[in-house]
Amino acid sequence: MAFLRIQEMITGKIYHQPSWFWKDLKEISPHLRKAVLAAEDQRFPDHYGFDFVEIKQVVKDMLDSKRIRGASTISMQSARSLFLLNKRSLLRKSLEAYYTFLIELFWTKERILEVYLNTVDWGTGVLGAEAAARKYFNISSSDINELQAASLAAILPSPHRWSPSGSSPQVHWRIQKILNDMKYMPLI
């Protein structure tokens, strides 16, 4: 808490004490697990931390001057949220790759997904699946249904701007796509 107050004094930004509750993977709704895979990393079960198919597409898009987007896997995002600051830099990206390699080497896919779901930022002061389920739906993450799961997963690229209510056309489109893609996701 003192660290947050020091950051507030230095940056002038107000930080909120996050709501956070750890849940074992088996206690998190299977719908939410599948929705997050569908939205964030569809090749998660098959890659070793780096999705080279996605990285190749991002590079191609950059060369074609299309919108720049990330290619971070769930493993990479877990490494970042556990070990690194959010500030973008080449050094941070290099360390992220190193930690991703270690995570994939020593943890199971189940453990990686569990850590991700418990540490992912779902909006201001909302850290992890349980806090998100409580804030947005007033239920436990174990009780999330398919539509709620897709709604939560849909906002992950921009949880501080988007709401799981699906009120924006972009979020509504993402919810529909995730609901469709969830059918093809394995249960991890």
N, C-alpha and C. Protein backbone atom coordinates (compact mmCIF):
# COMPACT_ATOMS: atom_id res chain seq x y z
N MET A 1 0.82 -1.18 0.00
CA MET A 1 0.00 0.00 0.00
C MET A 1 0.87 1.26 0.00
N ALA A 2 1.94 1.25 0.78
CA ALA A 2 2.84 2.40 0.83
C ALA A 2 3.48 2.63 -0.53
N PHE A 3 3.81 1.53 -1.23
CA PHE A 3 4.40 1.64 -2.56
C PHE A 3 3.45 2.39 -3.50
N LEU A 4 2.15 2.09 -3.43
CA LEU A 4 1.18 2.76 -4.28
C LEU A 4 1.12 4.25 -3.97
N ARG A 5 1.19 4.61 -2.70
CA ARG A 5 1.16 6.03 -2.32
C ARG A 5 2.40 6.75 -2.85
N ILE A 6 3.56 6.11 -2.80
CA ILE A 6 4.79 6.71 -3.33
C ILE A 6 4.65 6.91 -4.84
N GLN A 7 4.11 5.91 -5.53
CA GLN A 7 3.90 6.03 -6.97
C GLN A 7 2.95 7.18 -7.28
N GLU A 8 1.89 7.33 -6.46
CA GLU A 8 0.94 8.43 -6.66
C GLU A 8 1.65 9.78 -6.53
N MET A 9 2.52 9.91 -5.53
CA MET A 9 3.23 11.17 -5.33
C MET A 9 4.17 11.46 -6.50
N ILE A 10 4.84 10.43 -7.01
CA ILE A 10 5.80 10.62 -8.10
C ILE A 10 5.10 10.91 -9.42
N THR A 11 4.08 10.14 -9.74
CA THR A 11 3.44 10.24 -11.06
C THR A 11 2.25 11.18 -11.09
N GLY A 12 1.66 11.44 -9.94
CA GLY A 12 0.45 12.25 -9.91
C GLY A 12 -0.80 11.47 -10.25
N LYS A 13 -0.66 10.18 -10.54
CA LYS A 13 -1.81 9.33 -10.86
C LYS A 13 -2.32 8.68 -9.58
N ILE A 14 -3.62 8.52 -9.50
CA ILE A 14 -4.23 7.86 -8.35
C ILE A 14 -4.35 6.37 -8.65
N TYR A 15 -3.84 5.57 -7.76
CA TYR A 15 -3.91 4.13 -7.91
C TYR A 15 -4.94 3.56 -6.96
N HIS A 16 -5.62 2.53 -7.41
CA HIS A 16 -6.63 1.87 -6.59
C HIS A 16 -6.07 0.57 -6.07
N GLN A 17 -6.35 0.29 -4.83
CA GLN A 17 -5.98 -1.01 -4.26
C GLN A 17 -6.79 -2.07 -5.01
N PRO A 18 -6.13 -2.97 -5.70
CA PRO A 18 -6.90 -3.94 -6.50
C PRO A 18 -7.65 -4.95 -5.64
N SER A 19 -8.81 -5.36 -6.17
CA SER A 19 -9.52 -6.50 -5.60
C SER A 19 -8.85 -7.73 -6.19
N TRP A 20 -8.56 -8.70 -5.34
CA TRP A 20 -7.85 -9.86 -5.85
C TRP A 20 -8.14 -11.06 -4.96
N PHE A 21 -8.50 -12.17 -5.57
CA PHE A 21 -8.80 -13.41 -4.87
C PHE A 21 -8.24 -14.56 -5.70
N TRP A 22 -7.35 -15.35 -5.12
CA TRP A 22 -6.78 -16.48 -5.86
C TRP A 22 -7.79 -17.62 -5.92
N LYS A 23 -7.92 -18.22 -7.12
CA LYS A 23 -8.77 -19.39 -7.31
C LYS A 23 -7.96 -20.46 -8.03
N ASP A 24 -8.08 -21.70 -7.57
CA ASP A 24 -7.46 -22.81 -8.29
C ASP A 24 -8.12 -22.92 -9.66
N LEU A 25 -7.39 -23.40 -10.63
CA LEU A 25 -7.91 -23.48 -11.99
C LEU A 25 -9.23 -24.24 -12.05
N LYS A 26 -9.32 -25.35 -11.33
CA LYS A 26 -10.54 -26.18 -11.36
C LYS A 26 -11.74 -25.47 -10.75
N GLU A 27 -11.49 -24.39 -9.99
CA GLU A 27 -12.58 -23.61 -9.39
C GLU A 27 -13.04 -22.46 -10.29
N ILE A 28 -12.38 -22.28 -11.42
CA ILE A 28 -12.76 -21.23 -12.37
C ILE A 28 -13.61 -21.88 -13.46
N SER A 29 -14.70 -21.24 -13.80
CA SER A 29 -15.63 -21.77 -14.79
C SER A 29 -14.93 -22.28 -16.04
N PRO A 30 -15.31 -23.48 -16.50
CA PRO A 30 -14.74 -23.98 -17.76
C PRO A 30 -15.07 -23.05 -18.93
N HIS A 31 -16.20 -22.37 -18.85
CA HIS A 31 -16.56 -21.41 -19.91
C HIS A 31 -15.55 -20.27 -19.96
N LEU A 32 -15.15 -19.79 -18.80
CA LEU A 32 -14.19 -18.68 -18.77
C LEU A 32 -12.81 -19.14 -19.26
N ARG A 33 -12.42 -20.34 -18.90
CA ARG A 33 -11.13 -20.86 -19.37
C ARG A 33 -11.11 -20.96 -20.89
N LYS A 34 -12.18 -21.48 -21.47
CA LYS A 34 -12.26 -21.61 -22.93
C LYS A 34 -12.36 -20.24 -23.60
N ALA A 35 -13.12 -19.33 -23.01
CA ALA A 35 -13.28 -17.99 -23.60
C ALA A 35 -11.95 -17.25 -23.64
N VAL A 36 -11.17 -17.37 -22.59
CA VAL A 36 -9.87 -16.69 -22.56
C VAL A 36 -8.94 -17.29 -23.60
N LEU A 37 -8.94 -18.60 -23.75
CA LEU A 37 -8.13 -19.21 -24.81
C LEU A 37 -8.59 -18.73 -26.18
N ALA A 38 -9.90 -18.70 -26.39
CA ALA A 38 -10.44 -18.26 -27.69
C ALA A 38 -10.07 -16.82 -27.99
N ALA A 39 -10.05 -15.98 -26.97
CA ALA A 39 -9.79 -14.55 -27.18
C ALA A 39 -8.31 -14.21 -27.22
N GLU A 40 -7.52 -14.87 -26.40
CA GLU A 40 -6.15 -14.43 -26.18
C GLU A 40 -5.07 -15.28 -26.83
N ASP A 41 -5.32 -16.60 -26.97
CA ASP A 41 -4.20 -17.46 -27.40
C ASP A 41 -4.74 -18.83 -27.82
N GLN A 42 -5.29 -18.89 -29.02
CA GLN A 42 -5.94 -20.13 -29.46
C GLN A 42 -4.97 -21.30 -29.65
N ARG A 43 -3.71 -21.02 -29.85
CA ARG A 43 -2.72 -22.09 -30.01
C ARG A 43 -1.97 -22.39 -28.71
N PHE A 44 -2.47 -21.89 -27.60
CA PHE A 44 -1.83 -22.07 -26.29
C PHE A 44 -1.48 -23.53 -25.99
N PRO A 45 -2.38 -24.49 -26.22
CA PRO A 45 -2.03 -25.88 -25.88
C PRO A 45 -0.88 -26.44 -26.72
N ASP A 46 -0.62 -25.84 -27.88
CA ASP A 46 0.32 -26.43 -28.82
C ASP A 46 1.68 -25.75 -28.90
N HIS A 47 1.79 -24.51 -28.43
CA HIS A 47 3.09 -23.82 -28.56
C HIS A 47 3.87 -23.90 -27.26
N TYR A 48 5.11 -23.49 -27.32
CA TYR A 48 5.99 -23.53 -26.15
C TYR A 48 6.30 -22.12 -25.66
N GLY A 49 5.26 -21.29 -25.58
CA GLY A 49 5.41 -19.95 -25.06
C GLY A 49 5.43 -18.86 -26.11
N PHE A 50 5.77 -19.23 -27.34
CA PHE A 50 5.87 -18.25 -28.41
C PHE A 50 5.06 -18.76 -29.60
N ASP A 51 4.12 -17.97 -30.05
CA ASP A 51 3.26 -18.35 -31.17
C ASP A 51 3.86 -17.75 -32.45
N PHE A 52 4.70 -18.52 -33.11
CA PHE A 52 5.42 -18.01 -34.27
C PHE A 52 4.49 -17.74 -35.46
N VAL A 53 3.36 -18.42 -35.52
CA VAL A 53 2.37 -18.14 -36.57
C VAL A 53 1.84 -16.72 -36.37
N GLU A 54 1.50 -16.39 -35.15
CA GLU A 54 0.98 -15.06 -34.82
C GLU A 54 2.05 -13.98 -34.97
N ILE A 55 3.25 -14.28 -34.55
CA ILE A 55 4.36 -13.31 -34.68
C ILE A 55 4.61 -13.00 -36.15
N LYS A 56 4.60 -14.02 -36.98
CA LYS A 56 4.79 -13.83 -38.42
C LYS A 56 3.70 -12.92 -39.00
N GLN A 57 2.45 -13.11 -38.56
CA GLN A 57 1.34 -12.29 -39.05
C GLN A 57 1.47 -10.84 -38.60
N VAL A 58 1.92 -10.63 -37.37
CA VAL A 58 2.12 -9.27 -36.86
C VAL A 58 3.19 -8.56 -37.66
N VAL A 59 4.29 -9.25 -37.95
CA VAL A 59 5.35 -8.65 -38.76
C VAL A 59 4.83 -8.31 -40.15
N LYS A 60 4.08 -9.21 -40.75
CA LYS A 60 3.50 -8.96 -42.08
C LYS A 60 2.59 -7.74 -42.03
N ASP A 61 1.73 -7.66 -41.01
CA ASP A 61 0.83 -6.51 -40.87
C ASP A 61 1.61 -5.20 -40.73
N MET A 62 2.69 -5.25 -39.96
CA MET A 62 3.52 -4.05 -39.79
C MET A 62 4.13 -3.62 -41.12
N LEU A 63 4.61 -4.57 -41.90
CA LEU A 63 5.22 -4.26 -43.19
C LEU A 63 4.18 -3.74 -44.18
N ASP A 64 2.94 -4.21 -44.04
CA ASP A 64 1.85 -3.76 -44.91
C ASP A 64 1.21 -2.47 -44.39
N SER A 65 1.80 -1.91 -43.33
CA SER A 65 1.31 -0.67 -42.70
C SER A 65 -0.12 -0.79 -42.16
N LYS A 66 -0.48 -1.97 -41.74
CA LYS A 66 -1.77 -2.15 -41.09
C LYS A 66 -1.63 -1.82 -39.62
N ARG A 67 -2.73 -1.89 -38.90
CA ARG A 67 -2.75 -1.59 -37.48
C ARG A 67 -1.74 -2.48 -36.75
N ILE A 68 -0.97 -1.86 -35.87
CA ILE A 68 0.01 -2.61 -35.08
C ILE A 68 -0.69 -3.23 -33.89
N ARG A 69 -0.44 -4.50 -33.67
CA ARG A 69 -1.03 -5.20 -32.54
C ARG A 69 0.01 -6.14 -31.96
N GLY A 70 -0.26 -6.66 -30.79
CA GLY A 70 0.68 -7.55 -30.13
C GLY A 70 0.50 -8.99 -30.54
N ALA A 71 1.46 -9.80 -30.15
CA ALA A 71 1.40 -11.24 -30.41
C ALA A 71 1.77 -11.99 -29.13
N SER A 72 1.49 -11.38 -27.98
CA SER A 72 1.85 -12.02 -26.71
C SER A 72 0.94 -13.20 -26.42
N THR A 73 1.55 -14.28 -26.02
CA THR A 73 0.82 -15.48 -25.64
C THR A 73 0.41 -15.37 -24.17
N ILE A 74 -0.41 -16.29 -23.73
CA ILE A 74 -0.80 -16.35 -22.31
C ILE A 74 0.45 -16.55 -21.45
N SER A 75 1.38 -17.36 -21.92
CA SER A 75 2.63 -17.58 -21.18
C SER A 75 3.42 -16.29 -21.05
N MET A 76 3.52 -15.54 -22.13
CA MET A 76 4.25 -14.28 -22.11
C MET A 76 3.57 -13.26 -21.19
N GLN A 77 2.26 -13.20 -21.25
CA GLN A 77 1.52 -12.26 -20.40
C GLN A 77 1.64 -12.65 -18.93
N SER A 78 1.69 -13.94 -18.65
CA SER A 78 1.88 -14.40 -17.26
C SER A 78 3.26 -13.99 -16.76
N ALA A 79 4.27 -14.19 -17.59
CA ALA A 79 5.64 -13.80 -17.22
C ALA A 79 5.70 -12.30 -16.94
N ARG A 80 5.07 -11.52 -17.80
CA ARG A 80 5.07 -10.07 -17.64
C ARG A 80 4.37 -9.66 -16.34
N SER A 81 3.20 -10.21 -16.09
CA SER A 81 2.45 -9.77 -14.89
C SER A 81 3.11 -10.24 -13.60
N LEU A 82 3.82 -11.34 -13.64
CA LEU A 82 4.46 -11.85 -12.42
C LEU A 82 5.80 -11.19 -12.12
N PHE A 83 6.60 -10.96 -13.15
CA PHE A 83 8.00 -10.59 -12.91
C PHE A 83 8.42 -9.21 -13.39
N LEU A 84 7.60 -8.54 -14.18
CA LEU A 84 8.07 -7.31 -14.84
C LEU A 84 7.11 -6.14 -14.65
N LEU A 85 7.65 -4.95 -14.80
CA LEU A 85 6.82 -3.75 -14.79
C LEU A 85 6.14 -3.62 -16.14
N ASN A 86 5.08 -2.87 -16.19
CA ASN A 86 4.30 -2.74 -17.41
C ASN A 86 4.91 -1.80 -18.44
N LYS A 87 5.96 -1.10 -18.09
CA LYS A 87 6.59 -0.14 -18.99
C LYS A 87 7.21 -0.86 -20.19
N ARG A 88 6.88 -0.40 -21.39
CA ARG A 88 7.38 -1.04 -22.60
C ARG A 88 8.81 -0.62 -22.90
N SER A 89 9.64 -1.61 -23.18
CA SER A 89 11.01 -1.35 -23.60
C SER A 89 11.58 -2.63 -24.20
N LEU A 90 12.68 -2.49 -24.89
CA LEU A 90 13.34 -3.66 -25.48
C LEU A 90 13.88 -4.57 -24.37
N LEU A 91 14.38 -3.97 -23.30
CA LEU A 91 14.88 -4.76 -22.17
C LEU A 91 13.74 -5.57 -21.55
N ARG A 92 12.60 -4.94 -21.33
CA ARG A 92 11.47 -5.67 -20.75
C ARG A 92 11.02 -6.81 -21.65
N LYS A 93 10.97 -6.57 -22.96
CA LYS A 93 10.56 -7.61 -23.90
C LYS A 93 11.56 -8.77 -23.88
N SER A 94 12.85 -8.47 -23.76
CA SER A 94 13.88 -9.51 -23.69
C SER A 94 13.72 -10.34 -22.41
N LEU A 95 13.51 -9.65 -21.29
CA LEU A 95 13.29 -10.36 -20.02
C LEU A 95 12.01 -11.18 -20.06
N GLU A 96 10.99 -10.64 -20.71
CA GLU A 96 9.72 -11.36 -20.86
C GLU A 96 9.94 -12.67 -21.61
N ALA A 97 10.74 -12.63 -22.67
CA ALA A 97 11.05 -13.85 -23.43
C ALA A 97 11.80 -14.86 -22.56
N TYR A 98 12.75 -14.38 -21.78
CA TYR A 98 13.52 -15.24 -20.89
C TYR A 98 12.60 -15.92 -19.86
N TYR A 99 11.77 -15.13 -19.19
CA TYR A 99 10.86 -15.68 -18.18
C TYR A 99 9.82 -16.61 -18.82
N THR A 100 9.39 -16.29 -20.02
CA THR A 100 8.44 -17.15 -20.72
C THR A 100 9.07 -18.52 -20.98
N PHE A 101 10.31 -18.51 -21.43
CA PHE A 101 11.03 -19.76 -21.66
C PHE A 101 11.07 -20.59 -20.37
N LEU A 102 11.41 -19.96 -19.24
CA LEU A 102 11.48 -20.67 -17.96
C LEU A 102 10.12 -21.20 -17.51
N ILE A 103 9.10 -20.37 -17.65
CA ILE A 103 7.75 -20.79 -17.27
C ILE A 103 7.33 -22.02 -18.07
N GLU A 104 7.54 -21.98 -19.37
CA GLU A 104 7.16 -23.11 -20.21
C GLU A 104 7.99 -24.36 -19.90
N LEU A 105 9.20 -24.16 -19.46
CA LEU A 105 10.09 -25.27 -19.14
C LEU A 105 9.66 -25.97 -17.84
N PHE A 106 9.25 -25.19 -16.84
CA PHE A 106 9.02 -25.74 -15.51
C PHE A 106 7.55 -25.90 -15.11
N TRP A 107 6.64 -25.23 -15.77
CA TRP A 107 5.23 -25.29 -15.39
C TRP A 107 4.42 -26.05 -16.42
N THR A 108 3.31 -26.63 -15.99
CA THR A 108 2.37 -27.25 -16.92
C THR A 108 1.51 -26.15 -17.54
N LYS A 109 0.83 -26.49 -18.61
CA LYS A 109 -0.10 -25.55 -19.24
C LYS A 109 -1.22 -25.17 -18.26
N GLU A 110 -1.63 -26.13 -17.44
CA GLU A 110 -2.66 -25.84 -16.45
C GLU A 110 -2.20 -24.79 -15.46
N ARG A 111 -0.96 -24.91 -14.99
CA ARG A 111 -0.43 -23.94 -14.04
C ARG A 111 -0.28 -22.55 -14.68
N ILE A 112 0.18 -22.52 -15.92
CA ILE A 112 0.34 -21.24 -16.62
C ILE A 112 -1.02 -20.54 -16.75
N LEU A 113 -2.04 -21.30 -17.17
CA LEU A 113 -3.37 -20.71 -17.32
C LEU A 113 -3.93 -20.27 -15.97
N GLU A 114 -3.71 -21.05 -14.93
CA GLU A 114 -4.17 -20.68 -13.60
C GLU A 114 -3.53 -19.36 -13.14
N VAL A 115 -2.24 -19.23 -13.33
CA VAL A 115 -1.54 -18.00 -12.94
C VAL A 115 -2.07 -16.82 -13.77
N TYR A 116 -2.22 -17.03 -15.06
CA TYR A 116 -2.73 -15.97 -15.92
C TYR A 116 -4.10 -15.50 -15.45
N LEU A 117 -5.02 -16.45 -15.26
CA LEU A 117 -6.39 -16.09 -14.88
C LEU A 117 -6.46 -15.40 -13.52
N ASN A 118 -5.48 -15.64 -12.68
CA ASN A 118 -5.47 -15.01 -11.35
C ASN A 118 -4.70 -13.69 -11.31
N THR A 119 -3.99 -13.36 -12.37
CA THR A 119 -3.19 -12.14 -12.35
C THR A 119 -3.54 -11.17 -13.47
N VAL A 120 -4.41 -11.54 -14.38
CA VAL A 120 -4.73 -10.68 -15.51
C VAL A 120 -5.52 -9.45 -15.04
N ASP A 121 -5.21 -8.31 -15.66
CA ASP A 121 -5.86 -7.04 -15.37
C ASP A 121 -7.20 -6.99 -16.10
N TRP A 122 -8.29 -6.88 -15.33
CA TRP A 122 -9.62 -6.82 -15.92
C TRP A 122 -10.26 -5.45 -15.69
N GLY A 123 -9.45 -4.43 -15.52
CA GLY A 123 -9.96 -3.08 -15.33
C GLY A 123 -9.39 -2.46 -14.07
N THR A 124 -9.73 -1.22 -13.85
CA THR A 124 -9.19 -0.47 -12.71
C THR A 124 -9.53 -1.16 -11.40
N GLY A 125 -8.49 -1.59 -10.70
CA GLY A 125 -8.68 -2.23 -9.40
C GLY A 125 -9.22 -3.64 -9.48
N VAL A 126 -9.22 -4.26 -10.65
CA VAL A 126 -9.79 -5.60 -10.82
C VAL A 126 -8.70 -6.52 -11.34
N LEU A 127 -8.20 -7.38 -10.46
CA LEU A 127 -7.09 -8.26 -10.80
C LEU A 127 -7.54 -9.71 -10.69
N GLY A 128 -7.56 -10.41 -11.80
CA GLY A 128 -7.90 -11.82 -11.80
C GLY A 128 -9.37 -12.11 -12.06
N ALA A 129 -9.62 -13.38 -12.38
CA ALA A 129 -10.96 -13.83 -12.78
C ALA A 129 -11.99 -13.69 -11.67
N GLU A 130 -11.62 -14.01 -10.45
CA GLU A 130 -12.58 -13.95 -9.35
C GLU A 130 -13.02 -12.51 -9.10
N ALA A 131 -12.08 -11.59 -9.07
CA ALA A 131 -12.41 -10.18 -8.86
C ALA A 131 -13.28 -9.65 -10.00
N ALA A 132 -12.98 -10.07 -11.24
CA ALA A 132 -13.77 -9.63 -12.40
C ALA A 132 -15.19 -10.17 -12.32
N ALA A 133 -15.33 -11.44 -11.98
CA ALA A 133 -16.66 -12.03 -11.87
C ALA A 133 -17.48 -11.32 -10.79
N ARG A 134 -16.86 -11.03 -9.69
CA ARG A 134 -17.56 -10.34 -8.60
C ARG A 134 -17.94 -8.92 -8.98
N LYS A 135 -17.00 -8.20 -9.63
CA LYS A 135 -17.27 -6.81 -9.98
C LYS A 135 -18.34 -6.69 -11.05
N TYR A 136 -18.18 -7.42 -12.14
CA TYR A 136 -19.05 -7.23 -13.29
C TYR A 136 -20.36 -8.01 -13.22
N PHE A 137 -20.38 -9.15 -12.50
CA PHE A 137 -21.59 -9.97 -12.49
C PHE A 137 -22.08 -10.33 -11.08
N ASN A 138 -21.34 -9.93 -10.06
CA ASN A 138 -21.70 -10.19 -8.67
C ASN A 138 -21.86 -11.68 -8.38
N ILE A 139 -20.98 -12.48 -8.99
CA ILE A 139 -20.97 -13.92 -8.76
C ILE A 139 -19.52 -14.39 -8.67
N SER A 140 -19.35 -15.65 -8.31
CA SER A 140 -18.02 -16.24 -8.27
C SER A 140 -17.58 -16.63 -9.68
N SER A 141 -16.28 -16.66 -9.89
CA SER A 141 -15.76 -17.07 -11.21
C SER A 141 -16.12 -18.52 -11.54
N SER A 142 -16.45 -19.30 -10.55
CA SER A 142 -16.86 -20.68 -10.80
C SER A 142 -18.26 -20.76 -11.41
N ASP A 143 -19.05 -19.68 -11.27
CA ASP A 143 -20.43 -19.68 -11.74
C ASP A 143 -20.64 -18.92 -13.05
N ILE A 144 -19.58 -18.48 -13.67
CA ILE A 144 -19.67 -17.71 -14.92
C ILE A 144 -20.25 -18.60 -16.03
N ASN A 145 -21.24 -18.08 -16.75
CA ASN A 145 -21.82 -18.84 -17.87
C ASN A 145 -21.08 -18.47 -19.17
N GLU A 146 -21.51 -19.06 -20.28
CA GLU A 146 -20.83 -18.86 -21.56
C GLU A 146 -20.81 -17.40 -22.00
N LEU A 147 -21.95 -16.74 -21.95
CA LEU A 147 -22.03 -15.35 -22.40
C LEU A 147 -21.21 -14.44 -21.49
N GLN A 148 -21.29 -14.63 -20.19
CA GLN A 148 -20.50 -13.83 -19.26
C GLN A 148 -19.00 -14.05 -19.51
N ALA A 149 -18.62 -15.30 -19.75
CA ALA A 149 -17.22 -15.62 -20.01
C ALA A 149 -16.73 -14.92 -21.27
N ALA A 150 -17.51 -14.99 -22.33
CA ALA A 150 -17.13 -14.33 -23.59
C ALA A 150 -17.06 -12.82 -23.40
N SER A 151 -17.96 -12.28 -22.59
CA SER A 151 -17.97 -10.84 -22.33
C SER A 151 -16.72 -10.40 -21.58
N LEU A 152 -16.31 -11.19 -20.59
CA LEU A 152 -15.08 -10.86 -19.85
C LEU A 152 -13.85 -10.99 -20.75
N ALA A 153 -13.79 -12.06 -21.52
CA ALA A 153 -12.63 -12.27 -22.40
C ALA A 153 -12.56 -11.20 -23.49
N ALA A 154 -13.70 -10.70 -23.92
CA ALA A 154 -13.74 -9.71 -24.99
C ALA A 154 -13.05 -8.41 -24.63
N ILE A 155 -13.02 -8.07 -23.36
CA ILE A 155 -12.43 -6.77 -22.98
C ILE A 155 -10.94 -6.86 -22.64
N LEU A 156 -10.37 -8.05 -22.64
CA LEU A 156 -8.97 -8.20 -22.23
C LEU A 156 -7.97 -7.35 -23.01
N PRO A 157 -8.15 -7.11 -24.29
CA PRO A 157 -7.16 -6.26 -24.95
C PRO A 157 -7.14 -4.82 -24.40
N SER A 158 -8.26 -4.38 -23.84
CA SER A 158 -8.35 -2.99 -23.38
C SER A 158 -9.31 -2.88 -22.20
N PRO A 159 -8.97 -3.49 -21.06
CA PRO A 159 -9.91 -3.55 -19.95
C PRO A 159 -10.19 -2.22 -19.25
N HIS A 160 -9.40 -1.21 -19.53
CA HIS A 160 -9.64 0.09 -18.90
C HIS A 160 -10.50 1.00 -19.78
N ARG A 161 -10.74 0.58 -21.01
CA ARG A 161 -11.60 1.36 -21.91
C ARG A 161 -12.91 0.64 -22.22
N TRP A 162 -12.89 -0.68 -22.19
CA TRP A 162 -14.08 -1.44 -22.59
C TRP A 162 -14.79 -2.02 -21.38
N SER A 163 -16.06 -2.32 -21.58
CA SER A 163 -16.88 -2.92 -20.53
C SER A 163 -17.44 -4.25 -21.04
N PRO A 164 -17.57 -5.24 -20.16
CA PRO A 164 -18.12 -6.53 -20.59
C PRO A 164 -19.62 -6.46 -20.91
N SER A 165 -20.25 -5.31 -20.75
CA SER A 165 -21.67 -5.20 -21.10
C SER A 165 -21.88 -5.31 -22.60
N GLY A 166 -20.80 -5.17 -23.37
CA GLY A 166 -20.90 -5.30 -24.82
C GLY A 166 -21.55 -4.09 -25.46
N SER A 167 -21.52 -2.97 -24.77
CA SER A 167 -22.21 -1.79 -25.27
C SER A 167 -21.55 -1.18 -26.51
N SER A 168 -20.25 -1.37 -26.68
CA SER A 168 -19.62 -0.83 -27.89
C SER A 168 -19.71 -1.88 -29.00
N PRO A 169 -19.80 -1.43 -30.24
CA PRO A 169 -19.88 -2.38 -31.36
C PRO A 169 -18.67 -3.32 -31.43
N GLN A 170 -17.49 -2.79 -31.11
CA GLN A 170 -16.28 -3.61 -31.17
C GLN A 170 -16.34 -4.73 -30.12
N VAL A 171 -16.77 -4.41 -28.91
CA VAL A 171 -16.89 -5.43 -27.85
C VAL A 171 -17.96 -6.43 -28.22
N HIS A 172 -19.09 -5.95 -28.72
CA HIS A 172 -20.17 -6.87 -29.12
C HIS A 172 -19.68 -7.84 -30.20
N TRP A 173 -18.93 -7.33 -31.19
CA TRP A 173 -18.39 -8.19 -32.24
C TRP A 173 -17.45 -9.22 -31.64
N ARG A 174 -16.58 -8.79 -30.72
CA ARG A 174 -15.62 -9.70 -30.09
C ARG A 174 -16.36 -10.79 -29.30
N ILE A 175 -17.41 -10.41 -28.59
CA ILE A 175 -18.18 -11.40 -27.81
C ILE A 175 -18.71 -12.48 -28.73
N GLN A 176 -19.30 -12.08 -29.85
CA GLN A 176 -19.86 -13.06 -30.79
C GLN A 176 -18.78 -13.97 -31.36
N LYS A 177 -17.63 -13.41 -31.71
CA LYS A 177 -16.52 -14.20 -32.25
C LYS A 177 -16.01 -15.18 -31.20
N ILE A 178 -15.86 -14.73 -29.98
CA ILE A 178 -15.37 -15.60 -28.90
C ILE A 178 -16.35 -16.72 -28.64
N LEU A 179 -17.65 -16.42 -28.60
CA LEU A 179 -18.66 -17.47 -28.40
C LEU A 179 -18.55 -18.54 -29.48
N ASN A 180 -18.33 -18.13 -30.70
CA ASN A 180 -18.16 -19.09 -31.79
C ASN A 180 -16.87 -19.89 -31.64
N ASP A 181 -15.77 -19.22 -31.31
CA ASP A 181 -14.47 -19.88 -31.20
C ASP A 181 -14.36 -20.80 -29.98
N MET A 182 -15.14 -20.53 -28.94
CA MET A 182 -15.10 -21.34 -27.72
C MET A 182 -15.42 -22.81 -28.01
N LYS A 183 -16.22 -23.05 -29.02
CA LYS A 183 -16.61 -24.42 -29.37
C LYS A 183 -15.40 -25.29 -29.73
N TYR A 184 -14.33 -24.63 -30.19
CA TYR A 184 -13.16 -25.35 -30.69
C TYR A 184 -12.01 -25.39 -29.68
N MET A 185 -12.22 -24.77 -28.53
CA MET A 185 -11.16 -24.69 -27.53
C MET A 185 -11.19 -25.90 -26.59
N PRO A 186 -10.03 -26.45 -26.28
CA PRO A 186 -9.99 -27.56 -25.32
C PRO A 186 -10.20 -27.02 -23.91
N LEU A 187 -10.61 -27.88 -23.02
CA LEU A 187 -10.75 -27.49 -21.62
C LEU A 187 -9.43 -27.78 -20.91
N ILE A 188 -8.78 -26.74 -20.51
CA ILE A 188 -7.51 -26.89 -19.78
C ILE A 188 -7.80 -26.60 -18.33
